[in-house]
Amino acid sequence: MKKKFLFLLMFSTFLYGGVKLSAKPVPLTVGIDDPTGTMPDYPKTPNFIPFIDQNGLVITFEANHSDYMLQLLDEDGEAVYTTYVPSTLTTVTLPSSLSGNYEIRLYTGSGIYFYGTINL
């Protein structure tokens, strides 16, 4: 019984480790959304740039992240997918109908957003 449990524990650790190793970090940059065109009264950079990973269609967020509005833009700059990501959620599965290169944006609601490029 102990051998079976140990084998199961080692196998699940190996399986989880393999999945985690295939995830790729998505480097994010800071953007400012200012529809007025005037100089915003925002800090030059936010205190914290979020860290996200991509594993196929799954985007993984760090625990204890802020609430975000996640948006994917195609090569023409058109929004093709938008979803709300509450701070309690650490993974988002994107639709399987999407493929190609997309700009991913995480809006904070304060005029600051984070963006990077993903390939589906």
PDB file of N, CA and C in Angstrom:
ATOM      1  N   MET A   1       0.828  -1.192   0.000  1.00  0.00           N
ATOM      2  CA  MET A   1       0.000   0.000   0.000  1.00  0.00           C
ATOM      3  C   MET A   1       0.873   1.255   0.000  1.00  0.00           C
ATOM      4  N   LYS A   2       1.936   1.239   0.811  1.00  0.00           N
ATOM      5  CA  LYS A   2       2.819   2.393   0.864  1.00  0.00           C
ATOM      6  C   LYS A   2       3.519   2.607  -0.471  1.00  0.00           C
ATOM      7  N   LYS A   3       3.874   1.505  -1.161  1.00  0.00           N
ATOM      8  CA  LYS A   3       4.544   1.622  -2.452  1.00  0.00           C
ATOM      9  C   LYS A   3       3.612   2.238  -3.495  1.00  0.00           C
ATOM     10  N   LYS A   4       2.349   1.842  -3.467  1.00  0.00           N
ATOM     11  CA  LYS A   4       1.389   2.406  -4.410  1.00  0.00           C
ATOM     12  C   LYS A   4       1.198   3.898  -4.152  1.00  0.00           C
ATOM     13  N   PHE A   5       1.092   4.265  -2.887  1.00  0.00           N
ATOM     14  CA  PHE A   5       0.919   5.668  -2.537  1.00  0.00           C
ATOM     15  C   PHE A   5       2.148   6.471  -2.958  1.00  0.00           C
ATOM     16  N   LEU A   6       3.334   5.957  -2.681  1.00  0.00           N
ATOM     17  CA  LEU A   6       4.570   6.639  -3.049  1.00  0.00           C
ATOM     18  C   LEU A   6       4.673   6.784  -4.564  1.00  0.00           C
ATOM     19  N   PHE A   7       4.321   5.719  -5.293  1.00  0.00           N
ATOM     20  CA  PHE A   7       4.346   5.785  -6.753  1.00  0.00           C
ATOM     21  C   PHE A   7       3.373   6.843  -7.265  1.00  0.00           C
ATOM     22  N   LEU A   8       2.160   6.858  -6.722  1.00  0.00           N
ATOM     23  CA  LEU A   8       1.154   7.831  -7.131  1.00  0.00           C
ATOM     24  C   LEU A   8       1.615   9.252  -6.818  1.00  0.00           C
ATOM     25  N   LEU A   9       2.211   9.442  -5.673  1.00  0.00           N
ATOM     26  CA  LEU A   9       2.714  10.755  -5.288  1.00  0.00           C
ATOM     27  C   LEU A   9       3.829  11.206  -6.227  1.00  0.00           C
ATOM     28  N   MET A  10       4.766  10.318  -6.528  1.00  0.00           N
ATOM     29  CA  MET A  10       5.870  10.659  -7.422  1.00  0.00           C
ATOM     30  C   MET A  10       5.363  10.917  -8.841  1.00  0.00           C
ATOM     31  N   PHE A  11       4.420  10.110  -9.320  1.00  0.00           N
ATOM     32  CA  PHE A  11       3.883  10.280 -10.660  1.00  0.00           C
ATOM     33  C   PHE A  11       3.151  11.609 -10.794  1.00  0.00           C
ATOM     34  N   SER A  12       2.319  11.951  -9.811  1.00  0.00           N
ATOM     35  CA  SER A  12       1.590  13.212  -9.889  1.00  0.00           C
ATOM     36  C   SER A  12       2.527  14.404  -9.769  1.00  0.00           C
ATOM     37  N   THR A  13       3.589  14.294  -8.978  1.00  0.00           N
ATOM     38  CA  THR A  13       4.584  15.357  -8.897  1.00  0.00           C
ATOM     39  C   THR A  13       5.288  15.520 -10.233  1.00  0.00           C
ATOM     40  N   PHE A  14       5.661  14.417 -10.861  1.00  0.00           N
ATOM     41  CA  PHE A  14       6.300  14.457 -12.171  1.00  0.00           C
ATOM     42  C   PHE A  14       5.355  15.048 -13.213  1.00  0.00           C
ATOM     43  N   LEU A  15       4.100  14.631 -13.201  1.00  0.00           N
ATOM     44  CA  LEU A  15       3.119  15.123 -14.155  1.00  0.00           C
ATOM     45  C   LEU A  15       2.896  16.615 -13.975  1.00  0.00           C
ATOM     46  N   TYR A  16       2.717  17.058 -12.761  1.00  0.00           N
ATOM     47  CA  TYR A  16       2.519  18.485 -12.501  1.00  0.00           C
ATOM     48  C   TYR A  16       3.760  19.273 -12.895  1.00  0.00           C
ATOM     49  N   GLY A  17       4.922  18.769 -12.560  1.00  0.00           N
ATOM     50  CA  GLY A  17       6.170  19.448 -12.917  1.00  0.00           C
ATOM     51  C   GLY A  17       6.332  19.569 -14.414  1.00  0.00           C
ATOM     52  N   GLY A  18       5.936  18.547 -15.170  1.00  0.00           N
ATOM     53  CA  GLY A  18       6.032  18.594 -16.621  1.00  0.00           C
ATOM     54  C   GLY A  18       5.108  19.631 -17.215  1.00  0.00           C
ATOM     55  N   VAL A  19       3.906  19.751 -16.671  1.00  0.00           N
ATOM     56  CA  VAL A  19       2.965  20.745 -17.166  1.00  0.00           C
ATOM     57  C   VAL A  19       3.482  22.137 -16.851  1.00  0.00           C
ATOM     58  N   LYS A  20       4.010  22.340 -15.675  1.00  0.00           N
ATOM     59  CA  LYS A  20       4.503  23.646 -15.281  1.00  0.00           C
ATOM     60  C   LYS A  20       5.709  24.061 -16.113  1.00  0.00           C
ATOM     61  N   LEU A  21       6.565  23.092 -16.476  1.00  0.00           N
ATOM     62  CA  LEU A  21       7.742  23.413 -17.271  1.00  0.00           C
ATOM     63  C   LEU A  21       7.371  23.848 -18.682  1.00  0.00           C
ATOM     64  N   SER A  22       6.253  23.384 -19.207  1.00  0.00           N
ATOM     65  CA  SER A  22       5.878  23.745 -20.564  1.00  0.00           C
ATOM     66  C   SER A  22       5.208  25.120 -20.630  1.00  0.00           C
ATOM     67  N   ALA A  23       4.845  25.697 -19.508  1.00  0.00           N
ATOM     68  CA  ALA A  23       4.269  27.035 -19.487  1.00  0.00           C
ATOM     69  C   ALA A  23       5.355  28.061 -19.772  1.00  0.00           C
ATOM     70  N   LYS A  24       4.991  29.060 -20.582  1.00  0.00           N
ATOM     71  CA  LYS A  24       5.939  30.108 -20.936  1.00  0.00           C
ATOM     72  C   LYS A  24       5.514  31.422 -20.298  1.00  0.00           C
ATOM     73  N   PRO A  25       6.452  32.131 -19.674  1.00  0.00           N
ATOM     74  CA  PRO A  25       6.100  33.451 -19.136  1.00  0.00           C
ATOM     75  C   PRO A  25       5.794  34.419 -20.273  1.00  0.00           C
ATOM     76  N   VAL A  26       4.845  35.299 -20.044  1.00  0.00           N
ATOM     77  CA  VAL A  26       4.483  36.324 -21.018  1.00  0.00           C
ATOM     78  C   VAL A  26       5.004  37.657 -20.492  1.00  0.00           C
ATOM     79  N   PRO A  27       6.043  38.223 -21.128  1.00  0.00           N
ATOM     80  CA  PRO A  27       6.556  39.521 -20.668  1.00  0.00           C
ATOM     81  C   PRO A  27       5.526  40.622 -20.930  1.00  0.00           C
ATOM     82  N   LEU A  28       5.261  41.422 -19.926  1.00  0.00           N
ATOM     83  CA  LEU A  28       4.269  42.493 -20.038  1.00  0.00           C
ATOM     84  C   LEU A  28       4.930  43.856 -19.926  1.00  0.00           C
ATOM     85  N   THR A  29       4.349  44.818 -20.630  1.00  0.00           N
ATOM     86  CA  THR A  29       4.799  46.199 -20.627  1.00  0.00           C
ATOM     87  C   THR A  29       3.649  47.061 -20.143  1.00  0.00           C
ATOM     88  N   VAL A  30       3.947  48.253 -19.652  1.00  0.00           N
ATOM     89  CA  VAL A  30       2.924  49.160 -19.123  1.00  0.00           C
ATOM     90  C   VAL A  30       2.433  50.090 -20.219  1.00  0.00           C
ATOM     91  N   GLY A  31       1.115  50.277 -20.271  1.00  0.00           N
ATOM     92  CA  GLY A  31       0.505  51.248 -21.173  1.00  0.00           C
ATOM     93  C   GLY A  31      -0.447  52.132 -20.402  1.00  0.00           C
ATOM     94  N   ILE A  32      -0.745  53.303 -20.953  1.00  0.00           N
ATOM     95  CA  ILE A  32      -1.686  54.220 -20.318  1.00  0.00           C
ATOM     96  C   ILE A  32      -2.791  54.515 -21.312  1.00  0.00           C
ATOM     97  N   ASP A  33      -4.018  54.315 -20.894  1.00  0.00           N
ATOM     98  CA  ASP A  33      -5.189  54.552 -21.718  1.00  0.00           C
ATOM     99  C   ASP A  33      -5.755  55.907 -21.336  1.00  0.00           C
ATOM    100  N   ASP A  34      -5.467  56.937 -22.155  1.00  0.00           N
ATOM    101  CA  ASP A  34      -5.923  58.297 -21.861  1.00  0.00           C
ATOM    102  C   ASP A  34      -6.713  58.832 -23.048  1.00  0.00           C
ATOM    103  N   PRO A  35      -8.042  58.688 -23.015  1.00  0.00           N
ATOM    104  CA  PRO A  35      -8.844  59.135 -24.161  1.00  0.00           C
ATOM    105  C   PRO A  35      -8.891  60.649 -24.326  1.00  0.00           C
ATOM    106  N   THR A  36      -8.482  61.431 -23.321  1.00  0.00           N
ATOM    107  CA  THR A  36      -8.564  62.890 -23.424  1.00  0.00           C
ATOM    108  C   THR A  36      -7.413  63.474 -24.221  1.00  0.00           C
ATOM    109  N   GLY A  37      -6.302  62.751 -24.320  1.00  0.00           N
ATOM    110  CA  GLY A  37      -5.157  63.268 -25.062  1.00  0.00           C
ATOM    111  C   GLY A  37      -4.315  64.254 -24.275  1.00  0.00           C
ATOM    112  N   THR A  38      -4.686  64.540 -23.027  1.00  0.00           N
ATOM    113  CA  THR A  38      -3.885  65.445 -22.210  1.00  0.00           C
ATOM    114  C   THR A  38      -2.928  64.629 -21.362  1.00  0.00           C
ATOM    115  N   MET A  39      -1.989  65.286 -20.772  1.00  0.00           N
ATOM    116  CA  MET A  39      -1.007  64.606 -19.939  1.00  0.00           C
ATOM    117  C   MET A  39      -1.694  64.064 -18.683  1.00  0.00           C
ATOM    118  N   PRO A  40      -1.715  62.740 -18.511  1.00  0.00           N
ATOM    119  CA  PRO A  40      -2.406  62.173 -17.343  1.00  0.00           C
ATOM    120  C   PRO A  40      -1.619  62.410 -16.057  1.00  0.00           C
ATOM    121  N   ASP A  41      -2.354  62.345 -14.971  1.00  0.00           N
ATOM    122  CA  ASP A  41      -1.744  62.517 -13.658  1.00  0.00           C
ATOM    123  C   ASP A  41      -1.479  61.138 -13.050  1.00  0.00           C
ATOM    124  N   TYR A  42      -0.792  60.256 -13.804  1.00  0.00           N
ATOM    125  CA  TYR A  42      -0.465  58.922 -13.348  1.00  0.00           C
ATOM    126  C   TYR A  42       1.022  58.842 -13.044  1.00  0.00           C
ATOM    127  N   PRO A  43       1.416  57.928 -12.191  1.00  0.00           N
ATOM    128  CA  PRO A  43       2.851  57.719 -12.010  1.00  0.00           C
ATOM    129  C   PRO A  43       3.454  57.191 -13.305  1.00  0.00           C
ATOM    130  N   LYS A  44       4.769  57.359 -13.476  1.00  0.00           N
ATOM    131  CA  LYS A  44       5.418  56.916 -14.708  1.00  0.00           C
ATOM    132  C   LYS A  44       5.342  55.404 -14.873  1.00  0.00           C
ATOM    133  N   THR A  45       5.437  54.672 -13.808  1.00  0.00           N
ATOM    134  CA  THR A  45       5.255  53.225 -13.857  1.00  0.00           C
ATOM    135  C   THR A  45       4.493  52.791 -12.617  1.00  0.00           C
ATOM    136  N   PRO A  46       3.690  51.749 -12.738  1.00  0.00           N
ATOM    137  CA  PRO A  46       2.988  51.261 -11.548  1.00  0.00           C
ATOM    138  C   PRO A  46       3.966  50.575 -10.611  1.00  0.00           C
ATOM    139  N   ASN A  47       3.531  50.348  -9.397  1.00  0.00           N
ATOM    140  CA  ASN A  47       4.383  49.701  -8.405  1.00  0.00           C
ATOM    141  C   ASN A  47       4.673  48.244  -8.745  1.00  0.00           C
ATOM    142  N   PHE A  48       3.765  47.601  -9.465  1.00  0.00           N
ATOM    143  CA  PHE A  48       3.895  46.169  -9.677  1.00  0.00           C
ATOM    144  C   PHE A  48       3.391  45.784 -11.064  1.00  0.00           C
ATOM    145  N   ILE A  49       4.235  45.161 -11.868  1.00  0.00           N
ATOM    146  CA  ILE A  49       3.814  44.620 -13.158  1.00  0.00           C
ATOM    147  C   ILE A  49       3.478  43.155 -12.928  1.00  0.00           C
ATOM    148  N   PRO A  50       2.273  42.728 -13.305  1.00  0.00           N
ATOM    149  CA  PRO A  50       1.871  41.345 -13.030  1.00  0.00           C
ATOM    150  C   PRO A  50       2.709  40.341 -13.815  1.00  0.00           C
ATOM    151  N   PHE A  51       2.741  39.125 -13.325  1.00  0.00           N
ATOM    152  CA  PHE A  51       3.446  38.024 -13.963  1.00  0.00           C
ATOM    153  C   PHE A  51       2.418  36.989 -14.378  1.00  0.00           C
ATOM    154  N   ILE A  52       2.390  36.658 -15.685  1.00  0.00           N
ATOM    155  CA  ILE A  52       1.469  35.637 -16.171  1.00  0.00           C
ATOM    156  C   ILE A  52       2.240  34.620 -17.005  1.00  0.00           C
ATOM    157  N   ASP A  53       1.709  33.395 -17.056  1.00  0.00           N
ATOM    158  CA  ASP A  53       2.259  32.309 -17.867  1.00  0.00           C
ATOM    159  C   ASP A  53       1.208  31.897 -18.890  1.00  0.00           C
ATOM    160  N   GLN A  54       1.693  31.370 -20.020  1.00  0.00           N
ATOM    161  CA  GLN A  54       0.801  30.804 -21.024  1.00  0.00           C
ATOM    162  C   GLN A  54       1.189  29.365 -21.270  1.00  0.00           C
ATOM    163  N   ASN A  55       0.205  28.491 -21.221  1.00  0.00           N
ATOM    164  CA  ASN A  55       0.391  27.081 -21.558  1.00  0.00           C
ATOM    165  C   ASN A  55      -0.738  26.713 -22.515  1.00  0.00           C
ATOM    166  N   GLY A  56      -0.492  26.862 -23.816  1.00  0.00           N
ATOM    167  CA  GLY A  56      -1.537  26.634 -24.808  1.00  0.00           C
ATOM    168  C   GLY A  56      -2.617  27.691 -24.680  1.00  0.00           C
ATOM    169  N   LEU A  57      -3.827  27.256 -24.405  1.00  0.00           N
ATOM    170  CA  LEU A  57      -4.960  28.181 -24.268  1.00  0.00           C
ATOM    171  C   LEU A  57      -5.166  28.662 -22.834  1.00  0.00           C
ATOM    172  N   VAL A  58      -4.321  28.218 -21.918  1.00  0.00           N
ATOM    173  CA  VAL A  58      -4.498  28.553 -20.503  1.00  0.00           C
ATOM    174  C   VAL A  58      -3.525  29.664 -20.096  1.00  0.00           C
ATOM    175  N   ILE A  59      -4.076  30.737 -19.544  1.00  0.00           N
ATOM    176  CA  ILE A  59      -3.292  31.837 -18.986  1.00  0.00           C
ATOM    177  C   ILE A  59      -3.356  31.705 -17.475  1.00  0.00           C
ATOM    178  N   THR A  60      -2.183  31.670 -16.831  1.00  0.00           N
ATOM    179  CA  THR A  60      -2.112  31.519 -15.379  1.00  0.00           C
ATOM    180  C   THR A  60      -1.597  32.815 -14.755  1.00  0.00           C
ATOM    181  N   PHE A  61      -2.302  33.270 -13.737  1.00  0.00           N
ATOM    182  CA  PHE A  61      -1.944  34.481 -13.003  1.00  0.00           C
ATOM    183  C   PHE A  61      -1.329  34.104 -11.662  1.00  0.00           C
ATOM    184  N   GLU A  62      -0.537  35.011 -11.115  1.00  0.00           N
ATOM    185  CA  GLU A  62      -0.037  34.827  -9.752  1.00  0.00           C
ATOM    186  C   GLU A  62      -1.211  34.904  -8.780  1.00  0.00           C
ATOM    187  N   ALA A  63      -1.037  34.268  -7.636  1.00  0.00           N
ATOM    188  CA  ALA A  63      -2.037  34.400  -6.577  1.00  0.00           C
ATOM    189  C   ALA A  63      -2.003  35.837  -6.058  1.00  0.00           C
ATOM    190  N   ASN A  64      -3.101  36.294  -5.535  1.00  0.00           N
ATOM    191  CA  ASN A  64      -3.222  37.638  -4.953  1.00  0.00           C
ATOM    192  C   ASN A  64      -2.986  38.748  -5.976  1.00  0.00           C
ATOM    193  N   HIS A  65      -3.460  38.565  -7.186  1.00  0.00           N
ATOM    194  CA  HIS A  65      -3.343  39.614  -8.187  1.00  0.00           C
ATOM    195  C   HIS A  65      -4.541  40.552  -8.095  1.00  0.00           C
ATOM    196  N   SER A  66      -4.479  41.658  -8.786  1.00  0.00           N
ATOM    197  CA  SER A  66      -5.598  42.608  -8.831  1.00  0.00           C
ATOM    198  C   SER A  66      -6.701  42.075  -9.731  1.00  0.00           C
ATOM    199  N   ASP A  67      -7.855  42.722  -9.694  1.00  0.00           N
ATOM    200  CA  ASP A  67      -8.911  42.423 -10.657  1.00  0.00           C
ATOM    201  C   ASP A  67      -8.489  43.002 -12.006  1.00  0.00           C
ATOM    202  N   TYR A  68      -8.702  42.245 -13.063  1.00  0.00           N
ATOM    203  CA  TYR A  68      -8.338  42.695 -14.406  1.00  0.00           C
ATOM    204  C   TYR A  68      -9.481  42.468 -15.376  1.00  0.00           C
ATOM    205  N   MET A  69      -9.501  43.268 -16.417  1.00  0.00           N
ATOM    206  CA  MET A  69     -10.303  42.999 -17.602  1.00  0.00           C
ATOM    207  C   MET A  69      -9.286  42.535 -18.637  1.00  0.00           C
ATOM    208  N   LEU A  70      -9.375  41.260 -19.034  1.00  0.00           N
ATOM    209  CA  LEU A  70      -8.452  40.688 -20.003  1.00  0.00           C
ATOM    210  C   LEU A  70      -9.047  40.864 -21.392  1.00  0.00           C
ATOM    211  N   GLN A  71      -8.215  41.330 -22.316  1.00  0.00           N
ATOM    212  CA  GLN A  71      -8.685  41.534 -23.683  1.00  0.00           C
ATOM    213  C   GLN A  71      -7.622  41.042 -24.655  1.00  0.00           C
ATOM    214  N   LEU A  72      -8.059  40.373 -25.711  1.00  0.00           N
ATOM    215  CA  LEU A  72      -7.164  39.947 -26.786  1.00  0.00           C
ATOM    216  C   LEU A  72      -7.480  40.773 -28.019  1.00  0.00           C
ATOM    217  N   LEU A  73      -6.418  41.328 -28.635  1.00  0.00           N
ATOM    218  CA  LEU A  73      -6.561  42.108 -29.856  1.00  0.00           C
ATOM    219  C   LEU A  73      -5.848  41.382 -30.989  1.00  0.00           C
ATOM    220  N   ASP A  74      -6.496  41.332 -32.153  1.00  0.00           N
ATOM    221  CA  ASP A  74      -5.870  40.679 -33.296  1.00  0.00           C
ATOM    222  C   ASP A  74      -4.838  41.611 -33.928  1.00  0.00           C
ATOM    223  N   GLU A  75      -4.274  41.201 -35.066  1.00  0.00           N
ATOM    224  CA  GLU A  75      -3.211  41.980 -35.710  1.00  0.00           C
ATOM    225  C   GLU A  75      -3.703  43.325 -36.239  1.00  0.00           C
ATOM    226  N   ASP A  76      -5.024  43.477 -36.415  1.00  0.00           N
ATOM    227  CA  ASP A  76      -5.603  44.748 -36.866  1.00  0.00           C
ATOM    228  C   ASP A  76      -5.975  45.651 -35.697  1.00  0.00           C
ATOM    229  N   GLY A  77      -5.727  45.200 -34.466  1.00  0.00           N
ATOM    230  CA  GLY A  77      -6.063  45.985 -33.293  1.00  0.00           C
ATOM    231  C   GLY A  77      -7.518  45.861 -32.867  1.00  0.00           C
ATOM    232  N   GLU A  78      -8.229  44.906 -33.431  1.00  0.00           N
ATOM    233  CA  GLU A  78      -9.639  44.682 -33.081  1.00  0.00           C
ATOM    234  C   GLU A  78      -9.733  43.718 -31.901  1.00  0.00           C
ATOM    235  N   ALA A  79     -10.583  44.033 -30.943  1.00  0.00           N
ATOM    236  CA  ALA A  79     -10.799  43.150 -29.794  1.00  0.00           C
ATOM    237  C   ALA A  79     -11.571  41.918 -30.247  1.00  0.00           C
ATOM    238  N   VAL A  80     -11.005  40.734 -30.018  1.00  0.00           N
ATOM    239  CA  VAL A  80     -11.659  39.491 -30.418  1.00  0.00           C
ATOM    240  C   VAL A  80     -12.142  38.684 -29.210  1.00  0.00           C
ATOM    241  N   TYR A  81     -11.661  39.038 -28.022  1.00  0.00           N
ATOM    242  CA  TYR A  81     -12.084  38.318 -26.815  1.00  0.00           C
ATOM    243  C   TYR A  81     -11.874  39.230 -25.615  1.00  0.00           C
ATOM    244  N   THR A  82     -12.856  39.272 -24.736  1.00  0.00           N
ATOM    245  CA  THR A  82     -12.765  40.068 -23.510  1.00  0.00           C
ATOM    246  C   THR A  82     -13.413  39.270 -22.384  1.00  0.00           C
ATOM    247  N   THR A  83     -12.764  39.265 -21.219  1.00  0.00           N
ATOM    248  CA  THR A  83     -13.343  38.609 -20.052  1.00  0.00           C
ATOM    249  C   THR A  83     -12.841  39.292 -18.785  1.00  0.00           C
ATOM    250  N   TYR A  84     -13.644  39.225 -17.750  1.00  0.00           N
ATOM    251  CA  TYR A  84     -13.281  39.764 -16.437  1.00  0.00           C
ATOM    252  C   TYR A  84     -12.531  38.690 -15.658  1.00  0.00           C
ATOM    253  N   VAL A  85     -11.416  39.077 -15.041  1.00  0.00           N
ATOM    254  CA  VAL A  85     -10.615  38.153 -14.232  1.00  0.00           C
ATOM    255  C   VAL A  85     -10.572  38.689 -12.797  1.00  0.00           C
ATOM    256  N   PRO A  86     -11.399  38.144 -11.908  1.00  0.00           N
ATOM    257  CA  PRO A  86     -11.364  38.610 -10.518  1.00  0.00           C
ATOM    258  C   PRO A  86     -10.087  38.166  -9.815  1.00  0.00           C
ATOM    259  N   SER A  87      -9.765  38.814  -8.727  1.00  0.00           N
ATOM    260  CA  SER A  87      -8.529  38.521  -7.991  1.00  0.00           C
ATOM    261  C   SER A  87      -8.506  37.108  -7.422  1.00  0.00           C
ATOM    262  N   THR A  88      -9.651  36.465  -7.318  1.00  0.00           N
ATOM    263  CA  THR A  88      -9.724  35.107  -6.773  1.00  0.00           C
ATOM    264  C   THR A  88      -9.459  34.028  -7.819  1.00  0.00           C
ATOM    265  N   LEU A  89      -9.369  34.409  -9.081  1.00  0.00           N
ATOM    266  CA  LEU A  89      -9.170  33.454 -10.168  1.00  0.00           C
ATOM    267  C   LEU A  89      -7.710  33.462 -10.604  1.00  0.00           C
ATOM    268  N   THR A  90      -7.089  32.291 -10.715  1.00  0.00           N
ATOM    269  CA  THR A  90      -5.676  32.240 -11.120  1.00  0.00           C
ATOM    270  C   THR A  90      -5.472  31.671 -12.517  1.00  0.00           C
ATOM    271  N   THR A  91      -6.503  31.110 -13.143  1.00  0.00           N
ATOM    272  CA  THR A  91      -6.364  30.614 -14.504  1.00  0.00           C
ATOM    273  C   THR A  91      -7.550  31.039 -15.356  1.00  0.00           C
ATOM    274  N   VAL A  92      -7.264  31.314 -16.614  1.00  0.00           N
ATOM    275  CA  VAL A  92      -8.289  31.629 -17.601  1.00  0.00           C
ATOM    276  C   VAL A  92      -8.011  30.753 -18.812  1.00  0.00           C
ATOM    277  N   THR A  93      -9.032  30.057 -19.282  1.00  0.00           N
ATOM    278  CA  THR A  93      -8.897  29.255 -20.493  1.00  0.00           C
ATOM    279  C   THR A  93      -9.506  30.033 -21.651  1.00  0.00           C
ATOM    280  N   LEU A  94      -8.690  30.301 -22.652  1.00  0.00           N
ATOM    281  CA  LEU A  94      -9.129  31.058 -23.813  1.00  0.00           C
ATOM    282  C   LEU A  94      -9.894  30.144 -24.770  1.00  0.00           C
ATOM    283  N   PRO A  95     -10.757  30.717 -25.605  1.00  0.00           N
ATOM    284  CA  PRO A  95     -11.548  29.901 -26.531  1.00  0.00           C
ATOM    285  C   PRO A  95     -10.661  29.143 -27.526  1.00  0.00           C
ATOM    286  N   SER A  96     -11.040  27.912 -27.824  1.00  0.00           N
ATOM    287  CA  SER A  96     -10.261  27.084 -28.750  1.00  0.00           C
ATOM    288  C   SER A  96     -10.413  27.553 -30.195  1.00  0.00           C
ATOM    289  N   SER A  97     -11.359  28.425 -30.461  1.00  0.00           N
ATOM    290  CA  SER A  97     -11.555  28.946 -31.816  1.00  0.00           C
ATOM    291  C   SER A  97     -10.495  29.976 -32.207  1.00  0.00           C
ATOM    292  N   LEU A  98      -9.711  30.455 -31.237  1.00  0.00           N
ATOM    293  CA  LEU A  98      -8.680  31.456 -31.520  1.00  0.00           C
ATOM    294  C   LEU A  98      -7.368  30.779 -31.880  1.00  0.00           C
ATOM    295  N   SER A  99      -6.691  31.313 -32.884  1.00  0.00           N
ATOM    296  CA  SER A  99      -5.352  30.839 -33.233  1.00  0.00           C
ATOM    297  C   SER A  99      -4.588  31.982 -33.888  1.00  0.00           C
ATOM    298  N   GLY A 100      -3.278  31.972 -33.719  1.00  0.00           N
ATOM    299  CA  GLY A 100      -2.436  33.030 -34.271  1.00  0.00           C
ATOM    300  C   GLY A 100      -1.834  33.884 -33.180  1.00  0.00           C
ATOM    301  N   ASN A 101      -1.303  35.045 -33.567  1.00  0.00           N
ATOM    302  CA  ASN A 101      -0.691  35.984 -32.627  1.00  0.00           C
ATOM    303  C   ASN A 101      -1.711  37.020 -32.168  1.00  0.00           C
ATOM    304  N   TYR A 102      -1.706  37.289 -30.879  1.00  0.00           N
ATOM    305  CA  TYR A 102      -2.617  38.272 -30.299  1.00  0.00           C
ATOM    306  C   TYR A 102      -1.872  39.138 -29.305  1.00  0.00           C
ATOM    307  N   GLU A 103      -2.342  40.382 -29.178  1.00  0.00           N
ATOM    308  CA  GLU A 103      -1.864  41.226 -28.092  1.00  0.00           C
ATOM    309  C   GLU A 103      -2.800  40.986 -26.924  1.00  0.00           C
ATOM    310  N   ILE A 104      -2.226  40.648 -25.777  1.00  0.00           N
ATOM    311  CA  ILE A 104      -3.029  40.456 -24.577  1.00  0.00           C
ATOM    312  C   ILE A 104      -2.920  41.723 -23.743  1.00  0.00           C
ATOM    313  N   ARG A 105      -4.047  42.202 -23.271  1.00  0.00           N
ATOM    314  CA  ARG A 105      -4.069  43.399 -22.420  1.00  0.00           C
ATOM    315  C   ARG A 105      -4.796  43.078 -21.123  1.00  0.00           C
ATOM    316  N   LEU A 106      -4.235  43.578 -20.042  1.00  0.00           N
ATOM    317  CA  LEU A 106      -4.849  43.469 -18.721  1.00  0.00           C
ATOM    318  C   LEU A 106      -5.142  44.886 -18.236  1.00  0.00           C
ATOM    319  N   TYR A 107      -6.414  45.258 -18.223  1.00  0.00           N
ATOM    320  CA  TYR A 107      -6.826  46.591 -17.783  1.00  0.00           C
ATOM    321  C   TYR A 107      -7.077  46.576 -16.281  1.00  0.00           C
ATOM    322  N   THR A 108      -6.576  47.609 -15.603  1.00  0.00           N
ATOM    323  CA  THR A 108      -6.722  47.699 -14.154  1.00  0.00           C
ATOM    324  C   THR A 108      -7.912  48.545 -13.726  1.00  0.00           C
ATOM    325  N   GLY A 109      -8.445  49.346 -14.627  1.00  0.00           N
ATOM    326  CA  GLY A 109      -9.554  50.226 -14.274  1.00  0.00           C
ATOM    327  C   GLY A 109      -9.094  51.602 -13.833  1.00  0.00           C
ATOM    328  N   SER A 110      -7.786  51.822 -13.772  1.00  0.00           N
ATOM    329  CA  SER A 110      -7.270  53.113 -13.340  1.00  0.00           C
ATOM    330  C   SER A 110      -6.611  53.871 -14.488  1.00  0.00           C
ATOM    331  N   GLY A 111      -6.831  53.426 -15.722  1.00  0.00           N
ATOM    332  CA  GLY A 111      -6.198  54.069 -16.866  1.00  0.00           C
ATOM    333  C   GLY A 111      -4.877  53.425 -17.243  1.00  0.00           C
ATOM    334  N   ILE A 112      -4.375  52.546 -16.386  1.00  0.00           N
ATOM    335  CA  ILE A 112      -3.124  51.836 -16.661  1.00  0.00           C
ATOM    336  C   ILE A 112      -3.473  50.414 -17.082  1.00  0.00           C
ATOM    337  N   TYR A 113      -2.775  49.922 -18.108  1.00  0.00           N
ATOM    338  CA  TYR A 113      -2.966  48.542 -18.522  1.00  0.00           C
ATOM    339  C   TYR A 113      -1.603  47.915 -18.798  1.00  0.00           C
ATOM    340  N   PHE A 114      -1.593  46.604 -18.847  1.00  0.00           N
ATOM    341  CA  PHE A 114      -0.374  45.851 -19.131  1.00  0.00           C
ATOM    342  C   PHE A 114      -0.608  45.067 -20.412  1.00  0.00           C
ATOM    343  N   TYR A 115       0.388  45.007 -21.273  1.00  0.00           N
ATOM    344  CA  TYR A 115       0.194  44.315 -22.540  1.00  0.00           C
ATOM    345  C   TYR A 115       1.430  43.518 -22.938  1.00  0.00           C
ATOM    346  N   GLY A 116       1.184  42.490 -23.719  1.00  0.00           N
ATOM    347  CA  GLY A 116       2.237  41.621 -24.232  1.00  0.00           C
ATOM    348  C   GLY A 116       1.690  40.863 -25.423  1.00  0.00           C
ATOM    349  N   THR A 117       2.476  39.954 -25.958  1.00  0.00           N
ATOM    350  CA  THR A 117       2.078  39.182 -27.132  1.00  0.00           C
ATOM    351  C   THR A 117       2.029  37.695 -26.790  1.00  0.00           C
ATOM    352  N   ILE A 118       0.956  37.045 -27.234  1.00  0.00           N
ATOM    353  CA  ILE A 118       0.846  35.596 -27.052  1.00  0.00           C
ATOM    354  C   ILE A 118       0.571  34.961 -28.416  1.00  0.00           C
ATOM    355  N   ASN A 119       0.895  33.679 -28.523  1.00  0.00           N
ATOM    356  CA  ASN A 119       0.645  32.925 -29.728  1.00  0.00           C
ATOM    357  C   ASN A 119      -0.216  31.730 -29.346  1.00  0.00           C
ATOM    358  N   LEU A 120      -1.344  31.587 -30.000  1.00  0.00           N
ATOM    359  CA  LEU A 120      -2.266  30.486 -29.734  1.00  0.00           C
ATOM    360  C   LEU A 120      -2.248  29.503 -30.890  1.00  0.00           C
TER     361      LEU A 120
END
